[in-house]
Amino acid sequence: MIDLKTNYLGLELNNPLIVGSCGLTKNADKMYECQKAGAGAVVVKSLFEEALALEQIKLSEALEDHPEAYDYKYANIEKMYGSEQYCEIIREAKRKLNIPVIASLNCISEKWWKNYAKQVEEAGADAIELNIYTTVYNEAVSASEVEYNYLRIAESVRKSVDIPVAIKISKYITAFPNLAFLLEKRGINGLVMFNKFVEPDIDISKMELRSVFNFSKPEDFRVTLRWIGILSGERDIDLCASTGIFDAEDAIKVLLAGGKSFQVVSAIYNNGLSHIRVILDGITEWMKKNNYSSIEEFRGKLSFKSSELNNQFLRAQFIEKTDI
């Protein structure tokens, strides 16, 4: 009997496949469809810091601004969730689903998150995923200050809630092992690797700047695999892969490198919710072929700490010329 169960952030998942924060998880009905398709857990589409700031602005400006000007000023931010709407989505999801429901808070600073994280916990979220990133454009801001911002937010949220907290981290951090150590010391339960960004582009016809978002590509997976493998076993913190997982082979590699779970979004958009079962069936068949009955029997078997060929995780450049 093949057992796909895993433990992530102290939560028991029927399997390690998590549907990441996206339009597929924007309401309870859609999350229920993910559960029916076989997902082990879901991450609710993110609550953005800008939306929380808007709520505060509304309270202070409601009696001052002309309504039309007000609507124009905040038209784009209004498309994001407000905190009460977000909490209601979590409450409804918890009524409908029997798999873990993880809240996603997309944040830049520590200002808002102490109170709002508590609200999300009270709404019934099983865990919180903090998606932290800022674009540094000021030469006066050092790398250590960027990392300290992670720590401030993490510490603020960790002190305000009792449920597990994971940090969705940027692949541009300079020293992952050190930051993972410092986050663990502050009580963070997991790292999600990595967040996916909206990126700038230029429309040369209209001579305008614009923002674009592209789905992950299979080649994005290598960076994720490297750091899952290096950090696994070194820290008492759960690792979740979230970039470039498209099929069962990718998922198995994550588990062999030591990951506790993996998030899938782009592959589902490309192939439909039925692709969840394709990935899970692929893992099951591989386990049967290799005589494994549970994930824990092989998880981390090829991590940096466990593998004799661990230098492959460290190599970043070719030793000699190749034909590429």
C-alpha atoms as a PDB file:
ATOM      1  CA  MET A   1       0.000   0.000   0.000  1.00  0.00           C
ATOM      2  CA  ILE A   2       1.511   3.319  -1.096  1.00  0.00           C
ATOM      3  CA  ASP A   3       1.202   6.139   1.445  1.00  0.00           C
ATOM      4  CA  LEU A   4       1.688   9.665   0.084  1.00  0.00           C
ATOM      5  CA  LYS A   5       1.103  11.398   3.411  1.00  0.00           C
ATOM      6  CA  THR A   6       3.553  14.062   4.512  1.00  0.00           C
ATOM      7  CA  ASN A   7       3.855  16.474   7.411  1.00  0.00           C
ATOM      8  CA  TYR A   8       4.351  20.112   6.472  1.00  0.00           C
ATOM      9  CA  LEU A   9       4.410  22.941   9.045  1.00  0.00           C
ATOM     10  CA  GLY A  10       3.114  20.465  11.591  1.00  0.00           C
ATOM     11  CA  LEU A  11       0.053  19.785   9.410  1.00  0.00           C
ATOM     12  CA  GLU A  12      -0.695  16.306   8.105  1.00  0.00           C
ATOM     13  CA  LEU A  13      -1.258  16.378   4.342  1.00  0.00           C
ATOM     14  CA  ASN A  14      -2.730  13.462   2.407  1.00  0.00           C
ATOM     15  CA  ASN A  15      -0.019  14.126  -0.157  1.00  0.00           C
ATOM     16  CA  PRO A  16       2.720  16.744  -0.660  1.00  0.00           C
ATOM     17  CA  LEU A  17       1.058  18.576  -3.587  1.00  0.00           C
ATOM     18  CA  ILE A  18      -0.148  22.046  -2.617  1.00  0.00           C
ATOM     19  CA  VAL A  19      -1.989  24.370  -4.981  1.00  0.00           C
ATOM     20  CA  GLY A  20      -0.163  27.675  -4.543  1.00  0.00           C
ATOM     21  CA  SER A  21      -1.656  31.133  -4.161  1.00  0.00           C
ATOM     22  CA  CYS A  22      -3.357  32.067  -7.456  1.00  0.00           C
ATOM     23  CA  GLY A  23      -6.713  32.503  -9.154  1.00  0.00           C
ATOM     24  CA  LEU A  24      -7.361  28.783  -8.642  1.00  0.00           C
ATOM     25  CA  THR A  25      -7.605  29.451  -4.896  1.00  0.00           C
ATOM     26  CA  LYS A  26      -9.360  32.821  -4.857  1.00  0.00           C
ATOM     27  CA  ASN A  27     -12.581  31.541  -3.273  1.00  0.00           C
ATOM     28  CA  ALA A  28     -13.944  28.548  -1.392  1.00  0.00           C
ATOM     29  CA  ASP A  29     -15.623  26.951  -4.409  1.00  0.00           C
ATOM     30  CA  LYS A  30     -12.416  26.990  -6.427  1.00  0.00           C
ATOM     31  CA  MET A  31     -10.438  25.611  -3.480  1.00  0.00           C
ATOM     32  CA  TYR A  32     -12.998  22.836  -3.120  1.00  0.00           C
ATOM     33  CA  GLU A  33     -12.400  21.918  -6.767  1.00  0.00           C
ATOM     34  CA  CYS A  34      -8.675  21.698  -5.999  1.00  0.00           C
ATOM     35  CA  GLN A  35      -9.447  19.348  -3.120  1.00  0.00           C
ATOM     36  CA  LYS A  36     -11.661  17.174  -5.340  1.00  0.00           C
ATOM     37  CA  ALA A  37      -8.841  17.000  -7.876  1.00  0.00           C
ATOM     38  CA  GLY A  38      -6.548  15.578  -5.188  1.00  0.00           C
ATOM     39  CA  ALA A  39      -4.586  18.506  -3.720  1.00  0.00           C
ATOM     40  CA  GLY A  40      -3.039  17.895  -0.306  1.00  0.00           C
ATOM     41  CA  ALA A  41      -3.514  21.539   0.743  1.00  0.00           C
ATOM     42  CA  VAL A  42      -4.287  24.951  -0.737  1.00  0.00           C
ATOM     43  CA  VAL A  43      -2.778  28.409  -0.294  1.00  0.00           C
ATOM     44  CA  VAL A  44      -5.459  31.089  -0.487  1.00  0.00           C
ATOM     45  CA  LYS A  45      -4.851  33.805  -3.090  1.00  0.00           C
ATOM     46  CA  SER A  46      -2.785  36.506  -1.391  1.00  0.00           C
ATOM     47  CA  LEU A  47      -3.970  39.362   0.786  1.00  0.00           C
ATOM     48  CA  PHE A  48      -1.816  42.313  -0.284  1.00  0.00           C
ATOM     49  CA  GLU A  49      -0.354  44.924   2.047  1.00  0.00           C
ATOM     50  CA  GLU A  50      -1.558  47.632  -0.321  1.00  0.00           C
ATOM     51  CA  ALA A  51      -5.154  46.531   0.243  1.00  0.00           C
ATOM     52  CA  LEU A  52      -4.725  46.877   3.999  1.00  0.00           C
ATOM     53  CA  ALA A  53      -3.242  50.319   3.560  1.00  0.00           C
ATOM     54  CA  LEU A  54      -6.270  51.226   1.467  1.00  0.00           C
ATOM     55  CA  GLU A  55      -8.627  50.227   4.275  1.00  0.00           C
ATOM     56  CA  GLN A  56      -6.848  52.600   6.627  1.00  0.00           C
ATOM     57  CA  ILE A  57      -6.874  55.380   4.026  1.00  0.00           C
ATOM     58  CA  LYS A  58     -10.609  54.905   3.566  1.00  0.00           C
ATOM     59  CA  LEU A  59     -11.241  55.451   7.241  1.00  0.00           C
ATOM     60  CA  SER A  60      -9.225  58.654   7.358  1.00  0.00           C
ATOM     61  CA  GLU A  61     -10.258  60.134   4.006  1.00  0.00           C
ATOM     62  CA  ALA A  62     -13.886  59.083   3.685  1.00  0.00           C
ATOM     63  CA  LEU A  63     -15.151  62.404   5.013  1.00  0.00           C
ATOM     64  CA  GLU A  64     -12.658  64.482   3.034  1.00  0.00           C
ATOM     65  CA  ASP A  65     -12.329  63.150  -0.514  1.00  0.00           C
ATOM     66  CA  HIS A  66     -14.914  63.548  -3.216  1.00  0.00           C
ATOM     67  CA  PRO A  67     -16.288  60.033  -3.979  1.00  0.00           C
ATOM     68  CA  GLU A  68     -15.409  60.121  -7.701  1.00  0.00           C
ATOM     69  CA  ALA A  69     -11.850  61.221  -7.017  1.00  0.00           C
ATOM     70  CA  TYR A  70     -11.605  58.580  -4.326  1.00  0.00           C
ATOM     71  CA  ASP A  71     -12.711  55.792  -6.671  1.00  0.00           C
ATOM     72  CA  TYR A  72     -10.269  56.890  -9.357  1.00  0.00           C
ATOM     73  CA  LYS A  73      -7.382  57.207  -6.928  1.00  0.00           C
ATOM     74  CA  TYR A  74      -7.681  53.640  -5.664  1.00  0.00           C
ATOM     75  CA  ALA A  75      -9.227  51.843  -8.648  1.00  0.00           C
ATOM     76  CA  ASN A  76      -6.429  49.281  -9.024  1.00  0.00           C
ATOM     77  CA  ILE A  77      -5.976  48.543  -5.344  1.00  0.00           C
ATOM     78  CA  GLU A  78      -9.709  47.927  -4.994  1.00  0.00           C
ATOM     79  CA  LYS A  79      -9.264  44.824  -7.147  1.00  0.00           C
ATOM     80  CA  MET A  80      -7.313  43.218  -4.313  1.00  0.00           C
ATOM     81  CA  TYR A  81      -8.872  41.650  -1.253  1.00  0.00           C
ATOM     82  CA  GLY A  82      -9.662  43.669   1.820  1.00  0.00           C
ATOM     83  CA  SER A  83      -8.972  41.946   5.136  1.00  0.00           C
ATOM     84  CA  GLU A  84     -12.598  41.217   6.058  1.00  0.00           C
ATOM     85  CA  GLN A  85     -13.400  39.761   2.650  1.00  0.00           C
ATOM     86  CA  TYR A  86     -10.243  37.669   2.867  1.00  0.00           C
ATOM     87  CA  CYS A  87     -11.148  36.341   6.300  1.00  0.00           C
ATOM     88  CA  GLU A  88     -14.638  35.442   5.089  1.00  0.00           C
ATOM     89  CA  ILE A  89     -13.118  33.456   2.212  1.00  0.00           C
ATOM     90  CA  ILE A  90     -11.022  31.541   4.749  1.00  0.00           C
ATOM     91  CA  ARG A  91     -14.036  30.897   6.984  1.00  0.00           C
ATOM     92  CA  GLU A  92     -16.068  29.565   4.063  1.00  0.00           C
ATOM     93  CA  ALA A  93     -13.160  27.425   2.864  1.00  0.00           C
ATOM     94  CA  LYS A  94     -12.791  25.875   6.300  1.00  0.00           C
ATOM     95  CA  ARG A  95     -16.485  24.986   6.262  1.00  0.00           C
ATOM     96  CA  LYS A  96     -16.224  23.277   2.862  1.00  0.00           C
ATOM     97  CA  LEU A  97     -12.770  21.692   2.836  1.00  0.00           C
ATOM     98  CA  ASN A  98     -11.139  18.981   4.900  1.00  0.00           C
ATOM     99  CA  ILE A  99      -7.586  19.683   3.722  1.00  0.00           C
ATOM    100  CA  PRO A 100      -5.349  22.395   5.243  1.00  0.00           C
ATOM    101  CA  VAL A 101      -6.114  25.966   4.183  1.00  0.00           C
ATOM    102  CA  ILE A 102      -3.023  28.190   4.280  1.00  0.00           C
ATOM    103  CA  ALA A 103      -3.409  31.977   4.232  1.00  0.00           C
ATOM    104  CA  SER A 104      -1.021  34.017   2.082  1.00  0.00           C
ATOM    105  CA  LEU A 105      -0.021  37.510   3.185  1.00  0.00           C
ATOM    106  CA  ASN A 106       1.906  39.465   0.567  1.00  0.00           C
ATOM    107  CA  CYS A 107       3.964  41.993   2.472  1.00  0.00           C
ATOM    108  CA  ILE A 108       6.638  44.634   2.186  1.00  0.00           C
ATOM    109  CA  SER A 109       6.991  45.887   5.758  1.00  0.00           C
ATOM    110  CA  GLU A 110       6.079  44.804   9.274  1.00  0.00           C
ATOM    111  CA  LYS A 111       3.610  47.676   9.798  1.00  0.00           C
ATOM    112  CA  TRP A 112       0.339  45.872   9.079  1.00  0.00           C
ATOM    113  CA  TRP A 113       0.914  42.246   9.808  1.00  0.00           C
ATOM    114  CA  LYS A 114       0.654  41.831  13.544  1.00  0.00           C
ATOM    115  CA  ASN A 115      -3.074  42.586  13.684  1.00  0.00           C
ATOM    116  CA  TYR A 116      -4.036  41.153  10.311  1.00  0.00           C
ATOM    117  CA  ALA A 117      -2.198  37.892  10.860  1.00  0.00           C
ATOM    118  CA  LYS A 118      -4.217  37.457  14.046  1.00  0.00           C
ATOM    119  CA  GLN A 119      -7.443  38.089  12.137  1.00  0.00           C
ATOM    120  CA  VAL A 120      -6.496  35.430   9.603  1.00  0.00           C
ATOM    121  CA  GLU A 121      -5.750  32.977  12.403  1.00  0.00           C
ATOM    122  CA  GLU A 122      -9.099  33.693  14.064  1.00  0.00           C
ATOM    123  CA  ALA A 123     -10.839  33.128  10.724  1.00  0.00           C
ATOM    124  CA  GLY A 124      -9.567  29.548  10.855  1.00  0.00           C
ATOM    125  CA  ALA A 125      -6.461  29.436   8.651  1.00  0.00           C
ATOM    126  CA  ASP A 126      -4.338  26.376   9.406  1.00  0.00           C
ATOM    127  CA  ALA A 127      -1.089  28.247   8.708  1.00  0.00           C
ATOM    128  CA  ILE A 128       0.222  31.505   7.263  1.00  0.00           C
ATOM    129  CA  GLU A 129       2.560  31.940   4.308  1.00  0.00           C
ATOM    130  CA  LEU A 130       4.288  35.336   4.311  1.00  0.00           C
ATOM    131  CA  ASN A 131       5.298  36.354   0.800  1.00  0.00           C
ATOM    132  CA  ILE A 132       7.970  38.984   1.449  1.00  0.00           C
ATOM    133  CA  TYR A 133       9.739  41.020  -1.196  1.00  0.00           C
ATOM    134  CA  THR A 134      10.787  44.586  -1.896  1.00  0.00           C
ATOM    135  CA  THR A 135      12.633  45.996  -4.889  1.00  0.00           C
ATOM    136  CA  VAL A 136      15.659  47.874  -3.584  1.00  0.00           C
ATOM    137  CA  TYR A 137      16.396  50.929  -5.732  1.00  0.00           C
ATOM    138  CA  ASN A 138      18.256  53.052  -3.170  1.00  0.00           C
ATOM    139  CA  GLU A 139      22.029  52.581  -2.956  1.00  0.00           C
ATOM    140  CA  ALA A 140      21.876  53.441   0.738  1.00  0.00           C
ATOM    141  CA  VAL A 141      20.000  50.191   1.497  1.00  0.00           C
ATOM    142  CA  SER A 142      22.390  47.313   2.176  1.00  0.00           C
ATOM    143  CA  ALA A 143      21.853  43.580   1.732  1.00  0.00           C
ATOM    144  CA  SER A 144      21.828  43.154   5.508  1.00  0.00           C
ATOM    145  CA  GLU A 145      18.988  45.677   5.789  1.00  0.00           C
ATOM    146  CA  VAL A 146      16.970  43.737   3.225  1.00  0.00           C
ATOM    147  CA  GLU A 147      17.421  40.535   5.202  1.00  0.00           C
ATOM    148  CA  TYR A 148      16.677  42.332   8.467  1.00  0.00           C
ATOM    149  CA  ASN A 149      13.327  43.345   6.980  1.00  0.00           C
ATOM    150  CA  TYR A 150      12.514  39.639   6.566  1.00  0.00           C
ATOM    151  CA  LEU A 151      13.401  39.077  10.200  1.00  0.00           C
ATOM    152  CA  ARG A 152      11.335  42.004  11.491  1.00  0.00           C
ATOM    153  CA  ILE A 153       8.224  40.878   9.626  1.00  0.00           C
ATOM    154  CA  ALA A 154       8.748  37.243  10.619  1.00  0.00           C
ATOM    155  CA  GLU A 155       9.230  38.089  14.280  1.00  0.00           C
ATOM    156  CA  SER A 156       6.217  40.408  14.379  1.00  0.00           C
ATOM    157  CA  VAL A 157       3.877  37.812  12.884  1.00  0.00           C
ATOM    158  CA  ARG A 158       5.338  34.901  14.845  1.00  0.00           C
ATOM    159  CA  LYS A 159       4.662  36.702  18.128  1.00  0.00           C
ATOM    160  CA  SER A 160       1.076  37.507  17.181  1.00  0.00           C
ATOM    161  CA  VAL A 161      -0.187  34.039  16.158  1.00  0.00           C
ATOM    162  CA  ASP A 162      -0.009  30.455  17.375  1.00  0.00           C
ATOM    163  CA  ILE A 163      -0.503  28.726  14.019  1.00  0.00           C
ATOM    164  CA  PRO A 164       2.500  27.714  11.874  1.00  0.00           C
ATOM    165  CA  VAL A 165       4.199  30.425   9.806  1.00  0.00           C
ATOM    166  CA  ALA A 166       6.211  29.944   6.603  1.00  0.00           C
ATOM    167  CA  ILE A 167       8.187  32.551   4.677  1.00  0.00           C
ATOM    168  CA  LYS A 168       7.985  32.609   0.884  1.00  0.00           C
ATOM    169  CA  ILE A 169      11.434  33.835   0.047  1.00  0.00           C
ATOM    170  CA  SER A 170      13.182  35.491  -2.900  1.00  0.00           C
ATOM    171  CA  LYS A 171      15.819  33.600  -4.862  1.00  0.00           C
ATOM    172  CA  TYR A 172      17.927  36.776  -4.837  1.00  0.00           C
ATOM    173  CA  ILE A 173      18.880  36.504  -1.159  1.00  0.00           C
ATOM    174  CA  THR A 174      22.663  36.467  -0.859  1.00  0.00           C
ATOM    175  CA  ALA A 175      23.122  33.937   1.966  1.00  0.00           C
ATOM    176  CA  PHE A 176      20.251  31.466   2.278  1.00  0.00           C
ATOM    177  CA  PRO A 177      21.734  29.258   5.022  1.00  0.00           C
ATOM    178  CA  ASN A 178      22.321  32.204   7.353  1.00  0.00           C
ATOM    179  CA  LEU A 179      18.877  33.707   6.769  1.00  0.00           C
ATOM    180  CA  ALA A 180      17.241  30.296   7.234  1.00  0.00           C
ATOM    181  CA  PHE A 181      19.090  29.939  10.549  1.00  0.00           C
ATOM    182  CA  LEU A 182      17.953  33.389  11.716  1.00  0.00           C
ATOM    183  CA  LEU A 183      14.341  32.767  10.675  1.00  0.00           C
ATOM    184  CA  GLU A 184      14.335  29.427  12.462  1.00  0.00           C
ATOM    185  CA  LYS A 185      15.641  31.146  15.613  1.00  0.00           C
ATOM    186  CA  ARG A 186      12.625  33.457  15.416  1.00  0.00           C
ATOM    187  CA  GLY A 187      10.219  30.539  15.339  1.00  0.00           C
ATOM    188  CA  ILE A 188       9.471  30.344  11.623  1.00  0.00           C
ATOM    189  CA  ASN A 189       8.300  26.852  10.686  1.00  0.00           C
ATOM    190  CA  GLY A 190       8.964  26.708   6.957  1.00  0.00           C
ATOM    191  CA  LEU A 191      10.546  28.237   3.862  1.00  0.00           C
ATOM    192  CA  VAL A 192       8.790  28.331   0.494  1.00  0.00           C
ATOM    193  CA  MET A 193      11.138  28.596  -2.486  1.00  0.00           C
ATOM    194  CA  PHE A 194      10.581  30.873  -4.342  1.00  0.00           C
ATOM    195  CA  ASN A 195       8.183  33.737  -4.932  1.00  0.00           C
ATOM    196  CA  LYS A 196       7.299  34.700  -8.491  1.00  0.00           C
ATOM    197  CA  PHE A 197       7.352  38.367  -9.451  1.00  0.00           C
ATOM    198  CA  VAL A 198       5.568  40.736 -11.737  1.00  0.00           C
ATOM    199  CA  GLU A 199       8.330  42.092 -13.971  1.00  0.00           C
ATOM    200  CA  PRO A 200       8.773  45.347 -15.896  1.00  0.00           C
ATOM    201  CA  ASP A 201       8.597  45.590 -19.653  1.00  0.00           C
ATOM    202  CA  ILE A 202       8.544  48.377 -22.234  1.00  0.00           C
ATOM    203  CA  ASP A 203       5.908  48.763 -24.925  1.00  0.00           C
ATOM    204  CA  ILE A 204       7.984  50.254 -27.750  1.00  0.00           C
ATOM    205  CA  SER A 205       4.870  51.088 -29.809  1.00  0.00           C
ATOM    206  CA  LYS A 206       3.180  53.129 -27.098  1.00  0.00           C
ATOM    207  CA  MET A 207       6.460  54.211 -25.495  1.00  0.00           C
ATOM    208  CA  GLU A 208       5.139  53.081 -22.123  1.00  0.00           C
ATOM    209  CA  LEU A 209       6.304  51.030 -19.185  1.00  0.00           C
ATOM    210  CA  ARG A 210       4.140  48.077 -18.278  1.00  0.00           C
ATOM    211  CA  SER A 211       4.122  45.172 -15.846  1.00  0.00           C
ATOM    212  CA  VAL A 212       3.979  41.587 -17.043  1.00  0.00           C
ATOM    213  CA  PHE A 213       3.622  38.237 -15.320  1.00  0.00           C
ATOM    214  CA  ASN A 214       4.830  35.022 -16.908  1.00  0.00           C
ATOM    215  CA  PHE A 215       4.149  31.497 -15.761  1.00  0.00           C
ATOM    216  CA  SER A 216       7.035  29.463 -14.427  1.00  0.00           C
ATOM    217  CA  LYS A 217       9.075  27.434 -16.886  1.00  0.00           C
ATOM    218  CA  PRO A 218      10.568  23.962 -16.326  1.00  0.00           C
ATOM    219  CA  GLU A 219      14.099  25.396 -16.330  1.00  0.00           C
ATOM    220  CA  ASP A 220      13.215  27.575 -13.318  1.00  0.00           C
ATOM    221  CA  PHE A 221      13.251  24.411 -11.230  1.00  0.00           C
ATOM    222  CA  ARG A 222      17.034  24.019 -10.991  1.00  0.00           C
ATOM    223  CA  VAL A 223      17.573  26.933  -8.615  1.00  0.00           C
ATOM    224  CA  THR A 224      14.772  25.639  -6.407  1.00  0.00           C
ATOM    225  CA  LEU A 225      16.267  22.144  -6.353  1.00  0.00           C
ATOM    226  CA  ARG A 226      19.729  23.462  -5.477  1.00  0.00           C
ATOM    227  CA  TRP A 227      18.569  25.269  -2.353  1.00  0.00           C
ATOM    228  CA  ILE A 228      16.120  22.627  -1.198  1.00  0.00           C
ATOM    229  CA  GLY A 229      19.005  20.153  -1.361  1.00  0.00           C
ATOM    230  CA  ILE A 230      21.517  22.390   0.421  1.00  0.00           C
ATOM    231  CA  LEU A 231      19.226  23.480   3.261  1.00  0.00           C
ATOM    232  CA  SER A 232      17.542  20.132   3.858  1.00  0.00           C
ATOM    233  CA  GLY A 233      18.760  18.467   7.020  1.00  0.00           C
ATOM    234  CA  GLU A 234      20.804  21.485   8.075  1.00  0.00           C
ATOM    235  CA  ARG A 235      17.909  23.327   9.695  1.00  0.00           C
ATOM    236  CA  ASP A 236      14.861  22.207  11.644  1.00  0.00           C
ATOM    237  CA  ILE A 237      12.601  24.069   9.248  1.00  0.00           C
ATOM    238  CA  ASP A 238      10.279  22.596   6.607  1.00  0.00           C
ATOM    239  CA  LEU A 239      11.089  23.276   2.957  1.00  0.00           C
ATOM    240  CA  CYS A 240       8.514  23.670   0.203  1.00  0.00           C
ATOM    241  CA  ALA A 241       9.360  24.063  -3.500  1.00  0.00           C
ATOM    242  CA  SER A 242       7.183  26.496  -5.422  1.00  0.00           C
ATOM    243  CA  THR A 243       8.844  27.310  -8.751  1.00  0.00           C
ATOM    244  CA  GLY A 244       9.092  25.129 -11.849  1.00  0.00           C
ATOM    245  CA  ILE A 245       7.378  21.924 -10.681  1.00  0.00           C
ATOM    246  CA  PHE A 246       5.553  20.615 -13.743  1.00  0.00           C
ATOM    247  CA  ASP A 247       5.415  16.831 -13.462  1.00  0.00           C
ATOM    248  CA  ALA A 248       5.935  13.826 -11.214  1.00  0.00           C
ATOM    249  CA  GLU A 249       9.652  13.697 -11.962  1.00  0.00           C
ATOM    250  CA  ASP A 250      10.111  17.254 -10.679  1.00  0.00           C
ATOM    251  CA  ALA A 251       8.081  16.437  -7.577  1.00  0.00           C
ATOM    252  CA  ILE A 252      10.115  13.304  -6.833  1.00  0.00           C
ATOM    253  CA  LYS A 253      13.339  15.294  -7.149  1.00  0.00           C
ATOM    254  CA  VAL A 254      12.048  17.794  -4.582  1.00  0.00           C
ATOM    255  CA  LEU A 255      11.325  14.975  -2.153  1.00  0.00           C
ATOM    256  CA  LEU A 256      14.671  13.248  -2.760  1.00  0.00           C
ATOM    257  CA  ALA A 257      16.425  16.562  -2.105  1.00  0.00           C
ATOM    258  CA  GLY A 258      14.614  16.821   1.229  1.00  0.00           C
ATOM    259  CA  GLY A 259      11.553  18.976   0.563  1.00  0.00           C
ATOM    260  CA  LYS A 260       8.450  18.319   2.637  1.00  0.00           C
ATOM    261  CA  SER A 261       6.037  19.537  -0.039  1.00  0.00           C
ATOM    262  CA  PHE A 262       5.783  21.338  -3.365  1.00  0.00           C
ATOM    263  CA  GLN A 263       3.430  23.936  -4.801  1.00  0.00           C
ATOM    264  CA  VAL A 264       2.004  23.733  -8.298  1.00  0.00           C
ATOM    265  CA  VAL A 265       0.323  26.574 -10.201  1.00  0.00           C
ATOM    266  CA  SER A 266       1.612  27.021 -13.761  1.00  0.00           C
ATOM    267  CA  ALA A 267       1.322  23.318 -14.602  1.00  0.00           C
ATOM    268  CA  ILE A 268      -2.336  23.329 -13.540  1.00  0.00           C
ATOM    269  CA  TYR A 269      -3.092  26.430 -15.574  1.00  0.00           C
ATOM    270  CA  ASN A 270      -1.441  24.759 -18.564  1.00  0.00           C
ATOM    271  CA  ASN A 271      -3.060  21.336 -18.165  1.00  0.00           C
ATOM    272  CA  GLY A 272      -6.141  21.732 -15.965  1.00  0.00           C
ATOM    273  CA  LEU A 273      -6.937  20.448 -12.483  1.00  0.00           C
ATOM    274  CA  SER A 274      -6.759  16.860 -13.724  1.00  0.00           C
ATOM    275  CA  HIS A 275      -2.975  17.318 -13.872  1.00  0.00           C
ATOM    276  CA  ILE A 276      -2.915  17.085 -10.069  1.00  0.00           C
ATOM    277  CA  ARG A 277      -3.867  13.421 -10.293  1.00  0.00           C
ATOM    278  CA  VAL A 278      -1.353  12.868 -13.114  1.00  0.00           C
ATOM    279  CA  ILE A 279       1.459  14.110 -10.860  1.00  0.00           C
ATOM    280  CA  LEU A 280       0.301  12.092  -7.849  1.00  0.00           C
ATOM    281  CA  ASP A 281      -0.131   8.921  -9.907  1.00  0.00           C
ATOM    282  CA  GLY A 282       3.358   9.431 -11.314  1.00  0.00           C
ATOM    283  CA  ILE A 283       4.814   9.639  -7.801  1.00  0.00           C
ATOM    284  CA  THR A 284       2.909   6.506  -6.781  1.00  0.00           C
ATOM    285  CA  GLU A 285       4.150   4.523  -9.785  1.00  0.00           C
ATOM    286  CA  TRP A 286       7.752   5.569  -9.143  1.00  0.00           C
ATOM    287  CA  MET A 287       7.444   4.530  -5.498  1.00  0.00           C
ATOM    288  CA  LYS A 288       6.083   1.128  -6.498  1.00  0.00           C
ATOM    289  CA  LYS A 289       8.895   0.652  -8.993  1.00  0.00           C
ATOM    290  CA  ASN A 290      11.515   1.498  -6.367  1.00  0.00           C
ATOM    291  CA  ASN A 291       9.867  -0.466  -3.538  1.00  0.00           C
ATOM    292  CA  TYR A 292       8.966   2.496  -1.340  1.00  0.00           C
ATOM    293  CA  SER A 293       5.740   2.418   0.624  1.00  0.00           C
ATOM    294  CA  SER A 294       5.969   5.912   2.145  1.00  0.00           C
ATOM    295  CA  ILE A 295       7.538   9.238   1.250  1.00  0.00           C
ATOM    296  CA  GLU A 296       9.596   9.300   4.433  1.00  0.00           C
ATOM    297  CA  GLU A 297      11.498   6.230   3.233  1.00  0.00           C
ATOM    298  CA  PHE A 298      13.228   8.245   0.504  1.00  0.00           C
ATOM    299  CA  ARG A 299      12.758  11.902   1.426  1.00  0.00           C
ATOM    300  CA  GLY A 300      16.141  13.611   1.696  1.00  0.00           C
ATOM    301  CA  LYS A 301      18.032  10.601   0.381  1.00  0.00           C
ATOM    302  CA  LEU A 302      19.866  12.808  -2.135  1.00  0.00           C
ATOM    303  CA  SER A 303      20.127  15.997  -0.103  1.00  0.00           C
ATOM    304  CA  PHE A 304      23.405  17.846   0.330  1.00  0.00           C
ATOM    305  CA  LYS A 305      23.778  16.360   3.798  1.00  0.00           C
ATOM    306  CA  SER A 306      23.021  12.768   2.760  1.00  0.00           C
ATOM    307  CA  SER A 307      24.500  12.337  -0.716  1.00  0.00           C
ATOM    308  CA  GLU A 308      28.123  11.403  -1.423  1.00  0.00           C
ATOM    309  CA  LEU A 309      27.882  13.538  -4.580  1.00  0.00           C
ATOM    310  CA  ASN A 310      26.746  16.616  -2.674  1.00  0.00           C
ATOM    311  CA  ASN A 311      29.262  18.840  -4.462  1.00  0.00           C
ATOM    312  CA  GLN A 312      26.816  18.835  -7.390  1.00  0.00           C
ATOM    313  CA  PHE A 313      24.596  21.167  -5.350  1.00  0.00           C
ATOM    314  CA  LEU A 314      27.481  23.619  -4.975  1.00  0.00           C
ATOM    315  CA  ARG A 315      28.845  23.658  -8.510  1.00  0.00           C
ATOM    316  CA  ALA A 316      27.672  26.796 -10.292  1.00  0.00           C
ATOM    317  CA  GLN A 317      30.083  27.039 -13.230  1.00  0.00           C
ATOM    318  CA  PHE A 318      31.563  24.669 -15.778  1.00  0.00           C
ATOM    319  CA  ILE A 319      35.021  23.333 -14.968  1.00  0.00           C
ATOM    320  CA  GLU A 320      35.882  23.030 -18.651  1.00  0.00           C
ATOM    321  CA  LYS A 321      34.438  24.104 -21.953  1.00  0.00           C
ATOM    322  CA  THR A 322      31.319  22.321 -23.167  1.00  0.00           C
ATOM    323  CA  ASP A 323      29.717  21.921 -26.546  1.00  0.00           C
ATOM    324  CA  ILE A 324      26.735  24.023 -25.520  1.00  0.00           C
END
